[in-house]
């Protein structure tokens, strides 16, 4: 498995709004293109404006194909991005491979 680990620092007080947009708009778009949610977390102790989400792919080829399909989806640029971009202060992205002994997303 290949994991796309995304860490976002959000504007103060915007975590719940961001989560609502992801839940209602972003997640259905990603799901429709075969992107699996492996984890979604927000901070309650520490930097309280931080969220981390992890997306699972079968391979690097699957990641490239699925990400391309999501980005080409008019709902992504027309509905999702305009709602979340104003909420984000900083974004970081890592592509990671799972060790052979790690639990795998289903």
PDB file of N, CA and C in Angstrom:
ATOM      1  N   UNK A   1       0.835  -1.189   0.000  1.00  0.00           N
ATOM      2  CA  UNK A   1       0.000   0.000   0.000  1.00  0.00           C
ATOM      3  C   UNK A   1       0.878   1.250   0.000  1.00  0.00           C
ATOM      4  N   UNK A   2       0.353   2.275  -0.612  1.00  0.00           N
ATOM      5  CA  UNK A   2       0.976   3.587  -0.646  1.00  0.00           C
ATOM      6  C   UNK A   2       0.021   4.543   0.054  1.00  0.00           C
ATOM      7  N   UNK A   3       0.569   5.402   0.897  1.00  0.00           N
ATOM      8  CA  UNK A   3      -0.265   6.328   1.657  1.00  0.00           C
ATOM      9  C   UNK A   3       0.127   7.768   1.354  1.00  0.00           C
ATOM     10  N   UNK A   4      -0.870   8.579   1.114  1.00  0.00           N
ATOM     11  CA  UNK A   4      -0.700  10.016   0.949  1.00  0.00           C
ATOM     12  C   UNK A   4      -1.103  10.629   2.289  1.00  0.00           C
ATOM     13  N   UNK A   5      -0.102  11.110   3.034  1.00  0.00           N
ATOM     14  CA  UNK A   5      -0.322  11.666   4.368  1.00  0.00           C
ATOM     15  C   UNK A   5      -0.311  13.181   4.243  1.00  0.00           C
ATOM     16  N   UNK A   6      -1.428  13.799   4.555  1.00  0.00           N
ATOM     17  CA  UNK A   6      -1.572  15.245   4.410  1.00  0.00           C
ATOM     18  C   UNK A   6      -1.768  15.885   5.776  1.00  0.00           C
ATOM     19  N   UNK A   7      -0.970  16.907   6.059  1.00  0.00           N
ATOM     20  CA  UNK A   7      -1.064  17.643   7.318  1.00  0.00           C
ATOM     21  C   UNK A   7      -1.414  19.089   6.986  1.00  0.00           C
ATOM     22  N   UNK A   8      -2.473  19.572   7.610  1.00  0.00           N
ATOM     23  CA  UNK A   8      -2.926  20.935   7.368  1.00  0.00           C
ATOM     24  C   UNK A   8      -2.985  21.708   8.676  1.00  0.00           C
ATOM     25  N   UNK A   9      -2.463  22.923   8.652  1.00  0.00           N
ATOM     26  CA  UNK A   9      -2.645  23.880   9.732  1.00  0.00           C
ATOM     27  C   UNK A   9      -3.749  24.816   9.258  1.00  0.00           C
ATOM     28  N   UNK A  10      -4.830  24.849  10.007  1.00  0.00           N
ATOM     29  CA  UNK A  10      -5.989  25.639   9.617  1.00  0.00           C
ATOM     30  C   UNK A  10      -6.022  26.970  10.354  1.00  0.00           C
ATOM     31  N   UNK A  11      -6.816  27.863   9.834  1.00  0.00           N
ATOM     32  CA  UNK A  11      -7.019  29.139  10.510  1.00  0.00           C
ATOM     33  C   UNK A  11      -7.749  28.879  11.838  1.00  0.00           C
ATOM     34  N   UNK A  12      -7.507  29.732  12.811  1.00  0.00           N
ATOM     35  CA  UNK A  12      -8.099  29.587  14.143  1.00  0.00           C
ATOM     36  C   UNK A  12      -9.619  29.444  14.054  1.00  0.00           C
ATOM     37  N   UNK A  13     -10.157  28.442  14.730  1.00  0.00           N
ATOM     38  CA  UNK A  13     -11.599  28.241  14.796  1.00  0.00           C
ATOM     39  C   UNK A  13     -12.229  27.607  13.569  1.00  0.00           C
ATOM     40  N   UNK A  14     -11.438  27.095  12.638  1.00  0.00           N
ATOM     41  CA  UNK A  14     -11.977  26.588  11.373  1.00  0.00           C
ATOM     42  C   UNK A  14     -11.944  25.062  11.233  1.00  0.00           C
ATOM     43  N   UNK A  15     -11.527  24.348  12.286  1.00  0.00           N
ATOM     44  CA  UNK A  15     -11.404  22.888  12.173  1.00  0.00           C
ATOM     45  C   UNK A  15     -12.751  22.243  11.872  1.00  0.00           C
ATOM     46  N   UNK A  16     -13.798  22.590  12.610  1.00  0.00           N
ATOM     47  CA  UNK A  16     -15.102  21.962  12.392  1.00  0.00           C
ATOM     48  C   UNK A  16     -15.650  22.288  11.003  1.00  0.00           C
ATOM     49  N   UNK A  17     -15.495  23.512  10.562  1.00  0.00           N
ATOM     50  CA  UNK A  17     -15.954  23.889   9.218  1.00  0.00           C
ATOM     51  C   UNK A  17     -15.213  23.078   8.153  1.00  0.00           C
ATOM     52  N   UNK A  18     -13.899  22.952   8.317  1.00  0.00           N
ATOM     53  CA  UNK A  18     -13.095  22.164   7.380  1.00  0.00           C
ATOM     54  C   UNK A  18     -13.566  20.710   7.378  1.00  0.00           C
ATOM     55  N   UNK A  19     -13.778  20.136   8.569  1.00  0.00           N
ATOM     56  CA  UNK A  19     -14.229  18.752   8.658  1.00  0.00           C
ATOM     57  C   UNK A  19     -15.578  18.565   7.960  1.00  0.00           C
ATOM     58  N   UNK A  20     -16.477  19.511   8.107  1.00  0.00           N
ATOM     59  CA  UNK A  20     -17.787  19.410   7.465  1.00  0.00           C
ATOM     60  C   UNK A  20     -17.678  19.403   5.947  1.00  0.00           C
ATOM     61  N   UNK A  21     -16.815  20.249   5.398  1.00  0.00           N
ATOM     62  CA  UNK A  21     -16.638  20.292   3.945  1.00  0.00           C
ATOM     63  C   UNK A  21     -15.997  19.001   3.449  1.00  0.00           C
ATOM     64  N   UNK A  22     -15.005  18.491   4.176  1.00  0.00           N
ATOM     65  CA  UNK A  22     -14.380  17.226   3.790  1.00  0.00           C
ATOM     66  C   UNK A  22     -15.425  16.115   3.802  1.00  0.00           C
ATOM     67  N   UNK A  23     -16.193  16.020   4.888  1.00  0.00           N
ATOM     68  CA  UNK A  23     -17.194  14.970   5.039  1.00  0.00           C
ATOM     69  C   UNK A  23     -18.251  15.030   3.927  1.00  0.00           C
ATOM     70  N   UNK A  24     -18.767  16.216   3.667  1.00  0.00           N
ATOM     71  CA  UNK A  24     -19.915  16.365   2.774  1.00  0.00           C
ATOM     72  C   UNK A  24     -19.579  16.548   1.306  1.00  0.00           C
ATOM     73  N   UNK A  25     -18.388  17.038   1.013  1.00  0.00           N
ATOM     74  CA  UNK A  25     -18.031  17.329  -0.377  1.00  0.00           C
ATOM     75  C   UNK A  25     -16.791  16.537  -0.817  1.00  0.00           C
ATOM     76  N   UNK A  26     -15.687  16.694  -0.086  1.00  0.00           N
ATOM     77  CA  UNK A  26     -14.419  16.088  -0.498  1.00  0.00           C
ATOM     78  C   UNK A  26     -14.404  14.572  -0.478  1.00  0.00           C
ATOM     79  N   UNK A  27     -14.907  13.995   0.595  1.00  0.00           N
ATOM     80  CA  UNK A  27     -14.887  12.537   0.718  1.00  0.00           C
ATOM     81  C   UNK A  27     -15.715  11.848  -0.371  1.00  0.00           C
ATOM     82  N   UNK A  28     -16.934  12.292  -0.654  1.00  0.00           N
ATOM     83  CA  UNK A  28     -17.672  11.660  -1.750  1.00  0.00           C
ATOM     84  C   UNK A  28     -16.967  11.769  -3.105  1.00  0.00           C
ATOM     85  N   UNK A  29     -16.305  12.888  -3.356  1.00  0.00           N
ATOM     86  CA  UNK A  29     -15.578  13.030  -4.623  1.00  0.00           C
ATOM     87  C   UNK A  29     -14.435  12.033  -4.680  1.00  0.00           C
ATOM     88  N   UNK A  30     -13.630  11.980  -3.640  1.00  0.00           N
ATOM     89  CA  UNK A  30     -12.501  11.038  -3.616  1.00  0.00           C
ATOM     90  C   UNK A  30     -12.991   9.599  -3.718  1.00  0.00           C
ATOM     91  N   UNK A  31     -14.036   9.262  -2.963  1.00  0.00           N
ATOM     92  CA  UNK A  31     -14.570   7.899  -3.014  1.00  0.00           C
ATOM     93  C   UNK A  31     -15.017   7.509  -4.412  1.00  0.00           C
ATOM     94  N   UNK A  32     -15.605   8.446  -5.133  1.00  0.00           N
ATOM     95  CA  UNK A  32     -16.099   8.135  -6.476  1.00  0.00           C
ATOM     96  C   UNK A  32     -14.968   7.839  -7.457  1.00  0.00           C
ATOM     97  N   UNK A  33     -13.740   8.168  -7.070  1.00  0.00           N
ATOM     98  CA  UNK A  33     -12.576   7.907  -7.927  1.00  0.00           C
ATOM     99  C   UNK A  33     -11.654   6.842  -7.325  1.00  0.00           C
ATOM    100  N   UNK A  34     -12.182   6.056  -6.389  1.00  0.00           N
ATOM    101  CA  UNK A  34     -11.437   4.925  -5.850  1.00  0.00           C
ATOM    102  C   UNK A  34     -10.379   5.265  -4.825  1.00  0.00           C
ATOM    103  N   UNK A  35     -10.469   6.440  -4.207  1.00  0.00           N
ATOM    104  CA  UNK A  35      -9.515   6.826  -3.171  1.00  0.00           C
ATOM    105  C   UNK A  35     -10.081   6.384  -1.821  1.00  0.00           C
ATOM    106  N   UNK A  36      -9.282   5.641  -1.068  1.00  0.00           N
ATOM    107  CA  UNK A  36      -9.721   5.099   0.219  1.00  0.00           C
ATOM    108  C   UNK A  36      -9.187   5.948   1.365  1.00  0.00           C
ATOM    109  N   UNK A  37     -10.064   6.287   2.288  1.00  0.00           N
ATOM    110  CA  UNK A  37      -9.653   7.003   3.488  1.00  0.00           C
ATOM    111  C   UNK A  37      -9.083   6.005   4.481  1.00  0.00           C
ATOM    112  N   UNK A  38      -7.816   6.172   4.849  1.00  0.00           N
ATOM    113  CA  UNK A  38      -7.160   5.265   5.795  1.00  0.00           C
ATOM    114  C   UNK A  38      -7.129   5.851   7.203  1.00  0.00           C
ATOM    115  N   UNK A  39      -7.236   7.170   7.336  1.00  0.00           N
ATOM    116  CA  UNK A  39      -7.236   7.811   8.646  1.00  0.00           C
ATOM    117  C   UNK A  39      -7.522   9.295   8.518  1.00  0.00           C
ATOM    118  N   UNK A  40      -8.173   9.838   9.516  1.00  0.00           N
ATOM    119  CA  UNK A  40      -8.483  11.272   9.528  1.00  0.00           C
ATOM    120  C   UNK A  40      -8.493  11.714  10.982  1.00  0.00           C
ATOM    121  N   UNK A  41      -7.606  12.646  11.329  1.00  0.00           N
ATOM    122  CA  UNK A  41      -7.387  13.015  12.718  1.00  0.00           C
ATOM    123  C   UNK A  41      -7.320  14.527  12.878  1.00  0.00           C
ATOM    124  N   UNK A  42      -7.744  14.999  14.042  1.00  0.00           N
ATOM    125  CA  UNK A  42      -7.571  16.409  14.378  1.00  0.00           C
ATOM    126  C   UNK A  42      -7.031  16.501  15.795  1.00  0.00           C
ATOM    127  N   UNK A  43      -6.288  17.545  16.053  1.00  0.00           N
ATOM    128  CA  UNK A  43      -5.590  17.704  17.319  1.00  0.00           C
ATOM    129  C   UNK A  43      -6.527  18.234  18.403  1.00  0.00           C
ATOM    130  N   UNK A  44      -6.446  17.627  19.592  1.00  0.00           N
ATOM    131  CA  UNK A  44      -7.154  18.149  20.754  1.00  0.00           C
ATOM    132  C   UNK A  44      -6.178  18.614  21.830  1.00  0.00           C
ATOM    133  N   UNK A  45      -4.954  18.103  21.801  1.00  0.00           N
ATOM    134  CA  UNK A  45      -3.881  18.579  22.666  1.00  0.00           C
ATOM    135  C   UNK A  45      -2.680  18.822  21.767  1.00  0.00           C
ATOM    136  N   UNK A  46      -2.127  20.004  21.818  1.00  0.00           N
ATOM    137  CA  UNK A  46      -1.042  20.384  20.914  1.00  0.00           C
ATOM    138  C   UNK A  46      -1.529  21.504  20.015  1.00  0.00           C
ATOM    139  N   UNK A  47      -1.029  21.567  18.776  1.00  0.00           N
ATOM    140  CA  UNK A  47      -1.479  22.629  17.864  1.00  0.00           C
ATOM    141  C   UNK A  47      -2.937  22.381  17.458  1.00  0.00           C
ATOM    142  N   UNK A  48      -3.877  23.060  18.128  1.00  0.00           N
ATOM    143  CA  UNK A  48      -5.296  22.726  18.015  1.00  0.00           C
ATOM    144  C   UNK A  48      -5.946  23.087  16.688  1.00  0.00           C
ATOM    145  N   UNK A  49      -5.194  23.610  15.770  1.00  0.00           N
ATOM    146  CA  UNK A  49      -5.754  23.911  14.457  1.00  0.00           C
ATOM    147  C   UNK A  49      -5.222  22.947  13.395  1.00  0.00           C
ATOM    148  N   UNK A  50      -4.714  21.798  13.810  1.00  0.00           N
ATOM    149  CA  UNK A  50      -4.072  20.881  12.870  1.00  0.00           C
ATOM    150  C   UNK A  50      -4.947  19.655  12.601  1.00  0.00           C
ATOM    151  N   UNK A  51      -5.000  19.264  11.323  1.00  0.00           N
ATOM    152  CA  UNK A  51      -5.655  18.021  10.933  1.00  0.00           C
ATOM    153  C   UNK A  51      -4.681  17.218  10.078  1.00  0.00           C
ATOM    154  N   UNK A  52      -4.818  15.903  10.173  1.00  0.00           N
ATOM    155  CA  UNK A  52      -4.005  14.994   9.365  1.00  0.00           C
ATOM    156  C   UNK A  52      -4.954  14.001   8.729  1.00  0.00           C
ATOM    157  N   UNK A  53      -4.857  13.858   7.411  1.00  0.00           N
ATOM    158  CA  UNK A  53      -5.626  12.807   6.773  1.00  0.00           C
ATOM    159  C   UNK A  53      -4.709  11.936   5.953  1.00  0.00           C
ATOM    160  N   UNK A  54      -5.082  10.660   5.890  1.00  0.00           N
ATOM    161  CA  UNK A  54      -4.270   9.643   5.224  1.00  0.00           C
ATOM    162  C   UNK A  54      -5.138   8.930   4.206  1.00  0.00           C
ATOM    163  N   UNK A  55      -4.671   8.930   2.953  1.00  0.00           N
ATOM    164  CA  UNK A  55      -5.407   8.316   1.843  1.00  0.00           C
ATOM    165  C   UNK A  55      -4.610   7.120   1.349  1.00  0.00           C
ATOM    166  N   UNK A  56      -5.281   5.993   1.155  1.00  0.00           N
ATOM    167  CA  UNK A  56      -4.621   4.743   0.784  1.00  0.00           C
ATOM    168  C   UNK A  56      -4.795   4.450  -0.702  1.00  0.00           C
ATOM    169  N   UNK A  57      -3.717   3.975  -1.294  1.00  0.00           N
ATOM    170  CA  UNK A  57      -3.701   3.594  -2.716  1.00  0.00           C
ATOM    171  C   UNK A  57      -3.034   2.233  -2.835  1.00  0.00           C
ATOM    172  N   UNK A  58      -3.421   1.484  -3.841  1.00  0.00           N
ATOM    173  CA  UNK A  58      -2.850   0.155  -4.054  1.00  0.00           C
ATOM    174  C   UNK A  58      -1.396   0.220  -4.517  1.00  0.00           C
ATOM    175  N   UNK A  59      -1.043   1.287  -5.224  1.00  0.00           N
ATOM    176  CA  UNK A  59       0.297   1.428  -5.794  1.00  0.00           C
ATOM    177  C   UNK A  59       0.519   2.894  -6.164  1.00  0.00           C
ATOM    178  N   UNK A  60       1.755   3.218  -6.564  1.00  0.00           N
ATOM    179  CA  UNK A  60       2.024   4.581  -7.039  1.00  0.00           C
ATOM    180  C   UNK A  60       1.243   4.878  -8.313  1.00  0.00           C
ATOM    181  N   UNK A  61       1.086   3.877  -9.163  1.00  0.00           N
ATOM    182  CA  UNK A  61       0.304   4.066 -10.394  1.00  0.00           C
ATOM    183  C   UNK A  61      -1.160   4.370 -10.055  1.00  0.00           C
ATOM    184  N   UNK A  62      -1.705   3.655  -9.085  1.00  0.00           N
ATOM    185  CA  UNK A  62      -3.079   3.915  -8.644  1.00  0.00           C
ATOM    186  C   UNK A  62      -3.193   5.325  -8.073  1.00  0.00           C
ATOM    187  N   UNK A  63      -2.215   5.746  -7.279  1.00  0.00           N
ATOM    188  CA  UNK A  63      -2.210   7.092  -6.721  1.00  0.00           C
ATOM    189  C   UNK A  63      -2.249   8.138  -7.834  1.00  0.00           C
ATOM    190  N   UNK A  64      -1.375   8.007  -8.805  1.00  0.00           N
ATOM    191  CA  UNK A  64      -1.317   8.983  -9.895  1.00  0.00           C
ATOM    192  C   UNK A  64      -2.621   9.029 -10.685  1.00  0.00           C
ATOM    193  N   UNK A  65      -3.165   7.864 -10.995  1.00  0.00           N
ATOM    194  CA  UNK A  65      -4.410   7.800 -11.773  1.00  0.00           C
ATOM    195  C   UNK A  65      -5.578   8.400 -10.991  1.00  0.00           C
ATOM    196  N   UNK A  66      -5.723   7.993  -9.725  1.00  0.00           N
ATOM    197  CA  UNK A  66      -6.837   8.462  -8.914  1.00  0.00           C
ATOM    198  C   UNK A  66      -6.733   9.961  -8.614  1.00  0.00           C
ATOM    199  N   UNK A  67      -5.531  10.436  -8.282  1.00  0.00           N
ATOM    200  CA  UNK A  67      -5.365  11.867  -8.012  1.00  0.00           C
ATOM    201  C   UNK A  67      -5.671  12.692  -9.258  1.00  0.00           C
ATOM    202  N   UNK A  68      -5.248  12.189 -10.423  1.00  0.00           N
ATOM    203  CA  UNK A  68      -5.557  12.877 -11.670  1.00  0.00           C
ATOM    204  C   UNK A  68      -7.049  12.950 -11.919  1.00  0.00           C
ATOM    205  N   UNK A  69      -7.759  11.867 -11.625  1.00  0.00           N
ATOM    206  CA  UNK A  69      -9.209  11.833 -11.823  1.00  0.00           C
ATOM    207  C   UNK A  69      -9.914  12.790 -10.863  1.00  0.00           C
ATOM    208  N   UNK A  70      -9.458  12.821  -9.614  1.00  0.00           N
ATOM    209  CA  UNK A  70     -10.046  13.744  -8.636  1.00  0.00           C
ATOM    210  C   UNK A  70      -9.828  15.185  -9.085  1.00  0.00           C
ATOM    211  N   UNK A  71      -8.609  15.513  -9.461  1.00  0.00           N
ATOM    212  CA  UNK A  71      -8.301  16.889  -9.863  1.00  0.00           C
ATOM    213  C   UNK A  71      -9.041  17.308 -11.132  1.00  0.00           C
ATOM    214  N   UNK A  72      -9.374  16.352 -11.994  1.00  0.00           N
ATOM    215  CA  UNK A  72     -10.110  16.656 -13.229  1.00  0.00           C
ATOM    216  C   UNK A  72     -11.617  16.746 -13.000  1.00  0.00           C
ATOM    217  N   UNK A  73     -12.082  16.292 -11.861  1.00  0.00           N
ATOM    218  CA  UNK A  73     -13.513  16.300 -11.544  1.00  0.00           C
ATOM    219  C   UNK A  73     -13.965  17.741 -11.318  1.00  0.00           C
ATOM    220  N   UNK A  74     -14.965  18.213 -12.047  1.00  0.00           N
ATOM    221  CA  UNK A  74     -15.401  19.603 -11.879  1.00  0.00           C
ATOM    222  C   UNK A  74     -15.926  19.919 -10.484  1.00  0.00           C
ATOM    223  N   UNK A  75     -16.382  18.917  -9.760  1.00  0.00           N
ATOM    224  CA  UNK A  75     -16.835  19.155  -8.381  1.00  0.00           C
ATOM    225  C   UNK A  75     -15.660  19.536  -7.481  1.00  0.00           C
ATOM    226  N   UNK A  76     -14.462  19.005  -7.806  1.00  0.00           N
ATOM    227  CA  UNK A  76     -13.266  19.290  -7.007  1.00  0.00           C
ATOM    228  C   UNK A  76     -12.915  20.772  -7.080  1.00  0.00           C
ATOM    229  N   UNK A  77     -12.798  21.282  -8.296  1.00  0.00           N
ATOM    230  CA  UNK A  77     -12.408  22.690  -8.462  1.00  0.00           C
ATOM    231  C   UNK A  77     -13.583  23.650  -8.295  1.00  0.00           C
ATOM    232  N   UNK A  78     -14.805  23.169  -8.537  1.00  0.00           N
ATOM    233  CA  UNK A  78     -15.961  24.057  -8.466  1.00  0.00           C
ATOM    234  C   UNK A  78     -16.639  24.106  -7.111  1.00  0.00           C
ATOM    235  N   UNK A  79     -16.588  23.002  -6.362  1.00  0.00           N
ATOM    236  CA  UNK A  79     -17.274  22.940  -5.071  1.00  0.00           C
ATOM    237  C   UNK A  79     -16.317  22.823  -3.885  1.00  0.00           C
ATOM    238  N   UNK A  80     -15.360  21.898  -3.977  1.00  0.00           N
ATOM    239  CA  UNK A  80     -14.528  21.588  -2.821  1.00  0.00           C
ATOM    240  C   UNK A  80     -13.445  22.640  -2.564  1.00  0.00           C
ATOM    241  N   UNK A  81     -12.582  22.860  -3.546  1.00  0.00           N
ATOM    242  CA  UNK A  81     -11.456  23.782  -3.334  1.00  0.00           C
ATOM    243  C   UNK A  81     -11.879  25.188  -2.908  1.00  0.00           C
ATOM    244  N   UNK A  82     -12.914  25.780  -3.516  1.00  0.00           N
ATOM    245  CA  UNK A  82     -13.305  27.127  -3.070  1.00  0.00           C
ATOM    246  C   UNK A  82     -13.751  27.183  -1.606  1.00  0.00           C
ATOM    247  N   UNK A  83     -14.227  26.060  -1.073  1.00  0.00           N
ATOM    248  CA  UNK A  83     -14.684  26.036   0.312  1.00  0.00           C
ATOM    249  C   UNK A  83     -13.550  25.786   1.305  1.00  0.00           C
ATOM    250  N   UNK A  84     -12.540  24.993   0.915  1.00  0.00           N
ATOM    251  CA  UNK A  84     -11.487  24.653   1.880  1.00  0.00           C
ATOM    252  C   UNK A  84     -10.256  25.551   1.804  1.00  0.00           C
ATOM    253  N   UNK A  85      -9.919  26.033   0.633  1.00  0.00           N
ATOM    254  CA  UNK A  85      -8.695  26.826   0.511  1.00  0.00           C
ATOM    255  C   UNK A  85      -8.654  28.035   1.439  1.00  0.00           C
ATOM    256  N   UNK A  86      -9.763  28.763   1.633  1.00  0.00           N
ATOM    257  CA  UNK A  86      -9.703  29.908   2.559  1.00  0.00           C
ATOM    258  C   UNK A  86      -9.508  29.513   4.026  1.00  0.00           C
ATOM    259  N   UNK A  87      -9.686  28.238   4.352  1.00  0.00           N
ATOM    260  CA  UNK A  87      -9.575  27.772   5.735  1.00  0.00           C
ATOM    261  C   UNK A  87      -8.160  27.328   6.098  1.00  0.00           C
ATOM    262  N   UNK A  88      -7.292  27.162   5.108  1.00  0.00           N
ATOM    263  CA  UNK A  88      -5.970  26.559   5.297  1.00  0.00           C
ATOM    264  C   UNK A  88      -4.890  27.630   5.375  1.00  0.00           C
ATOM    265  N   UNK A  89      -4.049  27.524   6.418  1.00  0.00           N
ATOM    266  CA  UNK A  89      -2.864  28.386   6.537  1.00  0.00           C
ATOM    267  C   UNK A  89      -1.644  27.738   5.892  1.00  0.00           C
ATOM    268  N   UNK A  90      -1.477  26.422   6.117  1.00  0.00           N
ATOM    269  CA  UNK A  90      -0.280  25.720   5.639  1.00  0.00           C
ATOM    270  C   UNK A  90      -0.642  24.270   5.360  1.00  0.00           C
ATOM    271  N   UNK A  91      -0.066  23.723   4.290  1.00  0.00           N
ATOM    272  CA  UNK A  91      -0.314  22.323   3.931  1.00  0.00           C
ATOM    273  C   UNK A  91       1.006  21.620   3.659  1.00  0.00           C
ATOM    274  N   UNK A  92       1.102  20.366   4.132  1.00  0.00           N
ATOM    275  CA  UNK A  92       2.266  19.525   3.864  1.00  0.00           C
ATOM    276  C   UNK A  92       1.763  18.172   3.396  1.00  0.00           C
ATOM    277  N   UNK A  93       2.508  17.560   2.511  1.00  0.00           N
ATOM    278  CA  UNK A  93       2.092  16.291   1.911  1.00  0.00           C
ATOM    279  C   UNK A  93       3.279  15.345   1.870  1.00  0.00           C
ATOM    280  N   UNK A  94       3.056  14.092   2.252  1.00  0.00           N
ATOM    281  CA  UNK A  94       4.089  13.063   2.177  1.00  0.00           C
ATOM    282  C   UNK A  94       3.487  11.828   1.527  1.00  0.00           C
ATOM    283  N   UNK A  95       4.236  11.201   0.647  1.00  0.00           N
ATOM    284  CA  UNK A  95       3.844   9.914   0.086  1.00  0.00           C
ATOM    285  C   UNK A  95       4.681   8.866   0.808  1.00  0.00           C
ATOM    286  N   UNK A  96       4.005   7.909   1.440  1.00  0.00           N
ATOM    287  CA  UNK A  96       4.696   6.936   2.283  1.00  0.00           C
ATOM    288  C   UNK A  96       4.297   5.519   1.884  1.00  0.00           C
ATOM    289  N   UNK A  97       5.233   4.604   2.068  1.00  0.00           N
ATOM    290  CA  UNK A  97       4.989   3.185   1.815  1.00  0.00           C
ATOM    291  C   UNK A  97       4.787   2.495   3.164  1.00  0.00           C
ATOM    292  N   UNK A  98       3.940   1.473   3.171  1.00  0.00           N
ATOM    293  CA  UNK A  98       3.698   0.709   4.389  1.00  0.00           C
ATOM    294  C   UNK A  98       4.735  -0.397   4.522  1.00  0.00           C
ATOM    295  N   UNK A  99       5.215  -0.609   5.733  1.00  0.00           N
ATOM    296  CA  UNK A  99       6.090  -1.746   6.007  1.00  0.00           C
ATOM    297  C   UNK A  99       5.285  -3.036   5.867  1.00  0.00           C
ATOM    298  N   UNK A 100       5.957  -4.128   5.581  1.00  0.00           N
ATOM    299  CA  UNK A 100       5.244  -5.384   5.365  1.00  0.00           C
ATOM    300  C   UNK A 100       4.505  -5.881   6.605  1.00  0.00           C
ATOM    301  N   UNK A 101       4.861  -5.381   7.801  1.00  0.00           N
ATOM    302  CA  UNK A 101       4.205  -5.809   9.037  1.00  0.00           C
ATOM    303  C   UNK A 101       3.135  -4.829   9.512  1.00  0.00           C
ATOM    304  N   UNK A 102       2.941  -3.719   8.782  1.00  0.00           N
ATOM    305  CA  UNK A 102       1.969  -2.704   9.186  1.00  0.00           C
ATOM    306  C   UNK A 102       0.553  -3.134   8.807  1.00  0.00           C
ATOM    307  N   UNK A 103      -0.437  -2.717   9.609  1.00  0.00           N
ATOM    308  CA  UNK A 103      -1.822  -2.983   9.205  1.00  0.00           C
ATOM    309  C   UNK A 103      -2.096  -2.269   7.882  1.00  0.00           C
ATOM    310  N   UNK A 104      -2.905  -2.861   7.053  1.00  0.00           N
ATOM    311  CA  UNK A 104      -3.215  -2.291   5.750  1.00  0.00           C
ATOM    312  C   UNK A 104      -4.659  -1.772   5.729  1.00  0.00           C
ATOM    313  N   UNK A 105      -4.876  -0.688   5.009  1.00  0.00           N
ATOM    314  CA  UNK A 105      -6.244  -0.167   4.849  1.00  0.00           C
ATOM    315  C   UNK A 105      -7.045  -1.170   4.036  1.00  0.00           C
ATOM    316  N   UNK A 106      -8.310  -1.270   4.366  1.00  0.00           N
ATOM    317  CA  UNK A 106      -9.151  -2.213   3.603  1.00  0.00           C
ATOM    318  C   UNK A 106     -10.094  -1.495   2.685  1.00  0.00           C
TER     319      UNK A 106
END
